[in-house]
């Protein structure tokens, strides 16, 4: 058993010109399609999340810089 094709048969579709085109102003026949999403899209992160991450990185950089400066002064 063969499944029916999703596109209509061009020989039996009214309004088609030779070659499969349609006349100006005509709407071409619809093909079978799927609609909707298969999976729920994740929600984007809040703007505050990015700011918190940047602040934590900056605190880490300042701590590492302070540690390196402290070691440099203790060794000299």
PDB file of N, CA and C in Angstrom:
ATOM      1  N   UNK A   1       0.835  -1.166   0.000  1.00  0.00           N
ATOM      2  CA  UNK A   1       0.000   0.000   0.000  1.00  0.00           C
ATOM      3  C   UNK A   1       0.888   1.239   0.000  1.00  0.00           C
ATOM      4  N   UNK A   2       0.614   2.137  -0.900  1.00  0.00           N
ATOM      5  CA  UNK A   2       1.422   3.346  -1.038  1.00  0.00           C
ATOM      6  C   UNK A   2       0.686   4.533  -0.436  1.00  0.00           C
ATOM      7  N   UNK A   3       1.395   5.346   0.297  1.00  0.00           N
ATOM      8  CA  UNK A   3       0.789   6.537   0.892  1.00  0.00           C
ATOM      9  C   UNK A   3       0.552   7.574  -0.201  1.00  0.00           C
ATOM     10  N   UNK A   4      -0.490   8.358  -0.024  1.00  0.00           N
ATOM     11  CA  UNK A   4      -0.780   9.400  -1.012  1.00  0.00           C
ATOM     12  C   UNK A   4       0.239  10.523  -0.874  1.00  0.00           C
ATOM     13  N   UNK A   5       0.671  11.100  -1.985  1.00  0.00           N
ATOM     14  CA  UNK A   5       1.651  12.172  -1.905  1.00  0.00           C
ATOM     15  C   UNK A   5       1.018  13.425  -1.285  1.00  0.00           C
ATOM     16  N   UNK A   6       1.846  14.247  -0.604  1.00  0.00           N
ATOM     17  CA  UNK A   6       1.291  15.424   0.052  1.00  0.00           C
ATOM     18  C   UNK A   6       0.880  16.512  -0.935  1.00  0.00           C
ATOM     19  N   UNK A   7       1.454  16.537  -2.115  1.00  0.00           N
ATOM     20  CA  UNK A   7       1.122  17.556  -3.107  1.00  0.00           C
ATOM     21  C   UNK A   7      -0.034  17.082  -3.982  1.00  0.00           C
ATOM     22  N   UNK A   8      -0.896  17.999  -4.408  1.00  0.00           N
ATOM     23  CA  UNK A   8      -1.995  17.597  -5.282  1.00  0.00           C
ATOM     24  C   UNK A   8      -1.479  17.198  -6.671  1.00  0.00           C
ATOM     25  N   UNK A   9      -2.248  16.381  -7.358  1.00  0.00           N
ATOM     26  CA  UNK A   9      -1.882  15.938  -8.697  1.00  0.00           C
ATOM     27  C   UNK A   9      -2.016  17.122  -9.663  1.00  0.00           C
ATOM     28  N   UNK A  10      -0.941  17.515 -10.359  1.00  0.00           N
ATOM     29  CA  UNK A  10      -1.013  18.663 -11.258  1.00  0.00           C
ATOM     30  C   UNK A  10      -1.990  18.459 -12.411  1.00  0.00           C
ATOM     31  N   UNK A  11      -2.236  17.204 -12.817  1.00  0.00           N
ATOM     32  CA  UNK A  11      -3.147  16.952 -13.927  1.00  0.00           C
ATOM     33  C   UNK A  11      -4.601  17.215 -13.534  1.00  0.00           C
ATOM     34  N   UNK A  12      -4.910  17.088 -12.247  1.00  0.00           N
ATOM     35  CA  UNK A  12      -6.289  17.269 -11.804  1.00  0.00           C
ATOM     36  C   UNK A  12      -6.502  18.571 -11.022  1.00  0.00           C
ATOM     37  N   UNK A  13      -5.496  19.439 -10.966  1.00  0.00           N
ATOM     38  CA  UNK A  13      -5.608  20.687 -10.217  1.00  0.00           C
ATOM     39  C   UNK A  13      -6.063  21.804 -11.135  1.00  0.00           C
ATOM     40  N   UNK A  14      -7.207  22.416 -10.865  1.00  0.00           N
ATOM     41  CA  UNK A  14      -7.670  23.504 -11.728  1.00  0.00           C
ATOM     42  C   UNK A  14      -6.829  24.758 -11.529  1.00  0.00           C
ATOM     43  N   UNK A  15      -6.657  25.535 -12.599  1.00  0.00           N
ATOM     44  CA  UNK A  15      -5.963  26.811 -12.512  1.00  0.00           C
ATOM     45  C   UNK A  15      -4.478  26.743 -12.787  1.00  0.00           C
ATOM     46  N   UNK A  16      -3.935  25.550 -13.012  1.00  0.00           N
ATOM     47  CA  UNK A  16      -2.504  25.449 -13.306  1.00  0.00           C
ATOM     48  C   UNK A  16      -2.270  25.607 -14.797  1.00  0.00           C
ATOM     49  N   UNK A  17      -1.245  26.356 -15.144  1.00  0.00           N
ATOM     50  CA  UNK A  17      -0.842  26.501 -16.532  1.00  0.00           C
ATOM     51  C   UNK A  17       0.134  25.394 -16.875  1.00  0.00           C
ATOM     52  N   UNK A  18       0.412  25.188 -18.148  1.00  0.00           N
ATOM     53  CA  UNK A  18       1.423  24.188 -18.508  1.00  0.00           C
ATOM     54  C   UNK A  18       2.762  24.523 -17.833  1.00  0.00           C
ATOM     55  N   UNK A  19       3.389  23.544 -17.276  1.00  0.00           N
ATOM     56  CA  UNK A  19       4.646  23.750 -16.559  1.00  0.00           C
ATOM     57  C   UNK A  19       4.438  23.894 -15.062  1.00  0.00           C
ATOM     58  N   UNK A  20       3.199  23.944 -14.612  1.00  0.00           N
ATOM     59  CA  UNK A  20       2.925  23.976 -13.178  1.00  0.00           C
ATOM     60  C   UNK A  20       2.745  25.357 -12.585  1.00  0.00           C
ATOM     61  N   UNK A  21       2.837  26.424 -13.390  1.00  0.00           N
ATOM     62  CA  UNK A  21       2.654  27.768 -12.856  1.00  0.00           C
ATOM     63  C   UNK A  21       1.185  28.114 -12.679  1.00  0.00           C
ATOM     64  N   UNK A  22       0.929  29.202 -12.028  1.00  0.00           N
ATOM     65  CA  UNK A  22      -0.447  29.683 -11.859  1.00  0.00           C
ATOM     66  C   UNK A  22      -0.582  31.042 -12.525  1.00  0.00           C
ATOM     67  N   UNK A  23      -1.805  31.360 -12.905  1.00  0.00           N
ATOM     68  CA  UNK A  23      -2.060  32.657 -13.515  1.00  0.00           C
ATOM     69  C   UNK A  23      -1.908  33.761 -12.471  1.00  0.00           C
ATOM     70  N   UNK A  24      -1.535  34.966 -12.908  1.00  0.00           N
ATOM     71  CA  UNK A  24      -1.416  36.071 -11.955  1.00  0.00           C
ATOM     72  C   UNK A  24      -2.737  36.294 -11.218  1.00  0.00           C
ATOM     73  N   UNK A  25      -2.659  36.419  -9.908  1.00  0.00           N
ATOM     74  CA  UNK A  25      -3.841  36.617  -9.084  1.00  0.00           C
ATOM     75  C   UNK A  25      -4.412  35.335  -8.511  1.00  0.00           C
ATOM     76  N   UNK A  26      -4.046  34.188  -9.068  1.00  0.00           N
ATOM     77  CA  UNK A  26      -4.526  32.916  -8.537  1.00  0.00           C
ATOM     78  C   UNK A  26      -3.655  32.487  -7.353  1.00  0.00           C
ATOM     79  N   UNK A  27      -4.264  31.783  -6.442  1.00  0.00           N
ATOM     80  CA  UNK A  27      -3.527  31.245  -5.311  1.00  0.00           C
ATOM     81  C   UNK A  27      -3.164  29.802  -5.634  1.00  0.00           C
ATOM     82  N   UNK A  28      -1.893  29.435  -5.505  1.00  0.00           N
ATOM     83  CA  UNK A  28      -1.522  28.045  -5.791  1.00  0.00           C
ATOM     84  C   UNK A  28      -2.143  27.102  -4.762  1.00  0.00           C
ATOM     85  N   UNK A  29      -2.335  25.838  -5.127  1.00  0.00           N
ATOM     86  CA  UNK A  29      -2.918  24.879  -4.182  1.00  0.00           C
ATOM     87  C   UNK A  29      -1.976  24.632  -3.013  1.00  0.00           C
ATOM     88  N   UNK A  30      -2.562  24.346  -1.871  1.00  0.00           N
ATOM     89  CA  UNK A  30      -1.754  24.105  -0.678  1.00  0.00           C
ATOM     90  C   UNK A  30      -1.223  22.680  -0.663  1.00  0.00           C
ATOM     91  N   UNK A  31      -0.065  22.527  -0.075  1.00  0.00           N
ATOM     92  CA  UNK A  31       0.523  21.208   0.136  1.00  0.00           C
ATOM     93  C   UNK A  31       0.293  20.807   1.573  1.00  0.00           C
ATOM     94  N   UNK A  32       0.433  19.525   1.842  1.00  0.00           N
ATOM     95  CA  UNK A  32       0.339  19.078   3.217  1.00  0.00           C
ATOM     96  C   UNK A  32       1.499  19.636   4.016  1.00  0.00           C
ATOM     97  N   UNK A  33       1.235  20.014   5.236  1.00  0.00           N
ATOM     98  CA  UNK A  33       2.284  20.582   6.063  1.00  0.00           C
ATOM     99  C   UNK A  33       2.010  20.263   7.522  1.00  0.00           C
ATOM    100  N   UNK A  34       3.040  20.407   8.307  1.00  0.00           N
ATOM    101  CA  UNK A  34       2.865  20.275   9.742  1.00  0.00           C
ATOM    102  C   UNK A  34       2.939  21.663  10.336  1.00  0.00           C
ATOM    103  N   UNK A  35       2.182  21.889  11.357  1.00  0.00           N
ATOM    104  CA  UNK A  35       2.211  23.188  11.995  1.00  0.00           C
ATOM    105  C   UNK A  35       2.494  23.023  13.471  1.00  0.00           C
ATOM    106  N   UNK A  36       3.001  24.053  14.061  1.00  0.00           N
ATOM    107  CA  UNK A  36       3.301  24.026  15.482  1.00  0.00           C
ATOM    108  C   UNK A  36       4.699  23.507  15.740  1.00  0.00           C
ATOM    109  N   UNK A  37       5.080  23.535  16.972  1.00  0.00           N
ATOM    110  CA  UNK A  37       6.408  23.098  17.376  1.00  0.00           C
ATOM    111  C   UNK A  37       6.322  21.715  17.994  1.00  0.00           C
ATOM    112  N   UNK A  38       7.361  20.938  17.817  1.00  0.00           N
ATOM    113  CA  UNK A  38       7.364  19.612  18.407  1.00  0.00           C
ATOM    114  C   UNK A  38       7.795  19.659  19.868  1.00  0.00           C
ATOM    115  N   UNK A  39       8.626  20.633  20.220  1.00  0.00           N
ATOM    116  CA  UNK A  39       9.104  20.761  21.594  1.00  0.00           C
ATOM    117  C   UNK A  39       8.878  22.187  22.065  1.00  0.00           C
ATOM    118  N   UNK A  40       8.682  22.330  23.321  1.00  0.00           N
ATOM    119  CA  UNK A  40       8.510  23.653  23.903  1.00  0.00           C
ATOM    120  C   UNK A  40       9.838  24.398  23.873  1.00  0.00           C
ATOM    121  N   UNK A  41       9.817  25.639  23.430  1.00  0.00           N
ATOM    122  CA  UNK A  41      11.050  26.420  23.374  1.00  0.00           C
ATOM    123  C   UNK A  41      11.410  26.895  24.775  1.00  0.00           C
ATOM    124  N   UNK A  42      12.713  26.855  25.109  1.00  0.00           N
ATOM    125  CA  UNK A  42      13.108  27.312  26.440  1.00  0.00           C
ATOM    126  C   UNK A  42      12.935  28.824  26.566  1.00  0.00           C
ATOM    127  N   UNK A  43      12.619  29.262  27.765  1.00  0.00           N
ATOM    128  CA  UNK A  43      12.476  30.690  27.979  1.00  0.00           C
ATOM    129  C   UNK A  43      13.855  31.325  28.060  1.00  0.00           C
ATOM    130  N   UNK A  44      14.016  32.493  27.469  1.00  0.00           N
ATOM    131  CA  UNK A  44      15.332  33.134  27.519  1.00  0.00           C
ATOM    132  C   UNK A  44      15.659  33.579  28.945  1.00  0.00           C
ATOM    133  N   UNK A  45      16.938  33.635  29.284  1.00  0.00           N
ATOM    134  CA  UNK A  45      17.300  34.057  30.641  1.00  0.00           C
ATOM    135  C   UNK A  45      16.943  35.524  30.869  1.00  0.00           C
ATOM    136  N   UNK A  46      16.711  35.858  32.105  1.00  0.00           N
ATOM    137  CA  UNK A  46      16.376  37.230  32.471  1.00  0.00           C
ATOM    138  C   UNK A  46      17.601  38.133  32.293  1.00  0.00           C
ATOM    139  N   UNK A  47      17.381  39.431  32.145  1.00  0.00           N
ATOM    140  CA  UNK A  47      18.477  40.383  31.960  1.00  0.00           C
ATOM    141  C   UNK A  47      19.352  40.436  33.205  1.00  0.00           C
ATOM    142  N   UNK A  48      18.773  40.227  34.373  1.00  0.00           N
ATOM    143  CA  UNK A  48      19.564  40.294  35.606  1.00  0.00           C
ATOM    144  C   UNK A  48      20.546  39.128  35.706  1.00  0.00           C
ATOM    145  N   UNK A  49      20.247  38.013  35.079  1.00  0.00           N
ATOM    146  CA  UNK A  49      21.150  36.863  35.126  1.00  0.00           C
ATOM    147  C   UNK A  49      22.490  37.216  34.496  1.00  0.00           C
ATOM    148  N   UNK A  50      22.452  37.868  33.347  1.00  0.00           N
ATOM    149  CA  UNK A  50      23.693  38.267  32.687  1.00  0.00           C
ATOM    150  C   UNK A  50      24.488  39.260  33.519  1.00  0.00           C
ATOM    151  N   UNK A  51      23.790  40.183  34.160  1.00  0.00           N
ATOM    152  CA  UNK A  51      24.476  41.188  34.989  1.00  0.00           C
ATOM    153  C   UNK A  51      25.136  40.536  36.196  1.00  0.00           C
ATOM    154  N   UNK A  52      24.466  39.568  36.783  1.00  0.00           N
ATOM    155  CA  UNK A  52      25.031  38.874  37.948  1.00  0.00           C
ATOM    156  C   UNK A  52      26.275  38.094  37.539  1.00  0.00           C
ATOM    157  N   UNK A  53      26.228  37.428  36.408  1.00  0.00           N
ATOM    158  CA  UNK A  53      27.386  36.658  35.932  1.00  0.00           C
ATOM    159  C   UNK A  53      28.562  37.584  35.668  1.00  0.00           C
ATOM    160  N   UNK A  54      28.313  38.721  35.025  1.00  0.00           N
ATOM    161  CA  UNK A  54      29.400  39.680  34.753  1.00  0.00           C
ATOM    162  C   UNK A  54      29.969  40.223  36.054  1.00  0.00           C
ATOM    163  N   UNK A  55      29.121  40.514  37.028  1.00  0.00           N
ATOM    164  CA  UNK A  55      29.602  41.017  38.316  1.00  0.00           C
ATOM    165  C   UNK A  55      30.460  39.974  39.020  1.00  0.00           C
ATOM    166  N   UNK A  56      30.060  38.713  38.986  1.00  0.00           N
ATOM    167  CA  UNK A  56      30.858  37.654  39.616  1.00  0.00           C
ATOM    168  C   UNK A  56      32.219  37.488  38.939  1.00  0.00           C
ATOM    169  N   UNK A  57      32.242  37.597  37.623  1.00  0.00           N
ATOM    170  CA  UNK A  57      33.514  37.500  36.903  1.00  0.00           C
ATOM    171  C   UNK A  57      34.419  38.669  37.271  1.00  0.00           C
ATOM    172  N   UNK A  58      33.845  39.850  37.382  1.00  0.00           N
ATOM    173  CA  UNK A  58      34.649  41.028  37.743  1.00  0.00           C
ATOM    174  C   UNK A  58      35.208  40.892  39.164  1.00  0.00           C
ATOM    175  N   UNK A  59      34.405  40.369  40.089  1.00  0.00           N
ATOM    176  CA  UNK A  59      34.887  40.153  41.458  1.00  0.00           C
ATOM    177  C   UNK A  59      36.029  39.147  41.453  1.00  0.00           C
ATOM    178  N   UNK A  60      35.898  38.092  40.680  1.00  0.00           N
ATOM    179  CA  UNK A  60      36.954  37.091  40.584  1.00  0.00           C
ATOM    180  C   UNK A  60      38.236  37.695  40.010  1.00  0.00           C
ATOM    181  N   UNK A  61      38.115  38.529  38.989  1.00  0.00           N
ATOM    182  CA  UNK A  61      39.293  39.171  38.391  1.00  0.00           C
ATOM    183  C   UNK A  61      39.964  40.089  39.407  1.00  0.00           C
ATOM    184  N   UNK A  62      39.189  40.847  40.170  1.00  0.00           N
ATOM    185  CA  UNK A  62      39.765  41.743  41.176  1.00  0.00           C
ATOM    186  C   UNK A  62      40.478  40.932  42.261  1.00  0.00           C
ATOM    187  N   UNK A  63      39.896  39.831  42.687  1.00  0.00           N
ATOM    188  CA  UNK A  63      40.545  38.993  43.706  1.00  0.00           C
ATOM    189  C   UNK A  63      41.855  38.398  43.202  1.00  0.00           C
ATOM    190  N   UNK A  64      41.880  37.934  41.969  1.00  0.00           N
ATOM    191  CA  UNK A  64      43.114  37.365  41.409  1.00  0.00           C
ATOM    192  C   UNK A  64      44.167  38.463  41.263  1.00  0.00           C
ATOM    193  N   UNK A  65      43.763  39.650  40.812  1.00  0.00           N
ATOM    194  CA  UNK A  65      44.709  40.757  40.682  1.00  0.00           C
ATOM    195  C   UNK A  65      45.268  41.148  42.051  1.00  0.00           C
ATOM    196  N   UNK A  66      44.423  41.187  43.073  1.00  0.00           N
ATOM    197  CA  UNK A  66      44.887  41.520  44.421  1.00  0.00           C
ATOM    198  C   UNK A  66      45.858  40.469  44.938  1.00  0.00           C
ATOM    199  N   UNK A  67      45.579  39.202  44.652  1.00  0.00           N
ATOM    200  CA  UNK A  67      46.475  38.142  45.074  1.00  0.00           C
ATOM    201  C   UNK A  67      47.838  38.265  44.393  1.00  0.00           C
ATOM    202  N   UNK A  68      47.830  38.543  43.097  1.00  0.00           N
ATOM    203  CA  UNK A  68      49.095  38.669  42.363  1.00  0.00           C
ATOM    204  C   UNK A  68      49.885  39.889  42.830  1.00  0.00           C
ATOM    205  N   UNK A  69      49.196  40.988  43.083  1.00  0.00           N
ATOM    206  CA  UNK A  69      49.902  42.186  43.585  1.00  0.00           C
ATOM    207  C   UNK A  69      50.475  41.936  44.973  1.00  0.00           C
ATOM    208  N   UNK A  70      49.756  41.250  45.823  1.00  0.00           N
ATOM    209  CA  UNK A  70      50.234  40.937  47.165  1.00  0.00           C
ATOM    210  C   UNK A  70      51.469  40.055  47.084  1.00  0.00           C
ATOM    211  N   UNK A  71      51.459  39.056  46.239  1.00  0.00           N
ATOM    212  CA  UNK A  71      52.632  38.188  46.083  1.00  0.00           C
ATOM    213  C   UNK A  71      53.813  38.962  45.523  1.00  0.00           C
ATOM    214  N   UNK A  72      53.578  39.878  44.597  1.00  0.00           N
ATOM    215  CA  UNK A  72      54.655  40.642  44.000  1.00  0.00           C
ATOM    216  C   UNK A  72      55.328  41.525  45.050  1.00  0.00           C
ATOM    217  N   UNK A  73      54.551  42.130  45.956  1.00  0.00           N
ATOM    218  CA  UNK A  73      55.134  42.995  46.992  1.00  0.00           C
ATOM    219  C   UNK A  73      55.817  42.181  48.084  1.00  0.00           C
ATOM    220  N   UNK A  74      55.340  40.983  48.377  1.00  0.00           N
ATOM    221  CA  UNK A  74      55.959  40.162  49.400  1.00  0.00           C
ATOM    222  C   UNK A  74      57.276  39.551  48.902  1.00  0.00           C
ATOM    223  N   UNK A  75      57.393  39.303  47.619  1.00  0.00           N
ATOM    224  CA  UNK A  75      58.615  38.677  47.089  1.00  0.00           C
ATOM    225  C   UNK A  75      59.702  39.691  46.794  1.00  0.00           C
ATOM    226  N   UNK A  76      59.363  40.950  46.670  1.00  0.00           N
ATOM    227  CA  UNK A  76      60.396  41.929  46.330  1.00  0.00           C
ATOM    228  C   UNK A  76      61.107  42.484  47.531  1.00  0.00           C
TER     229      UNK A  76
END
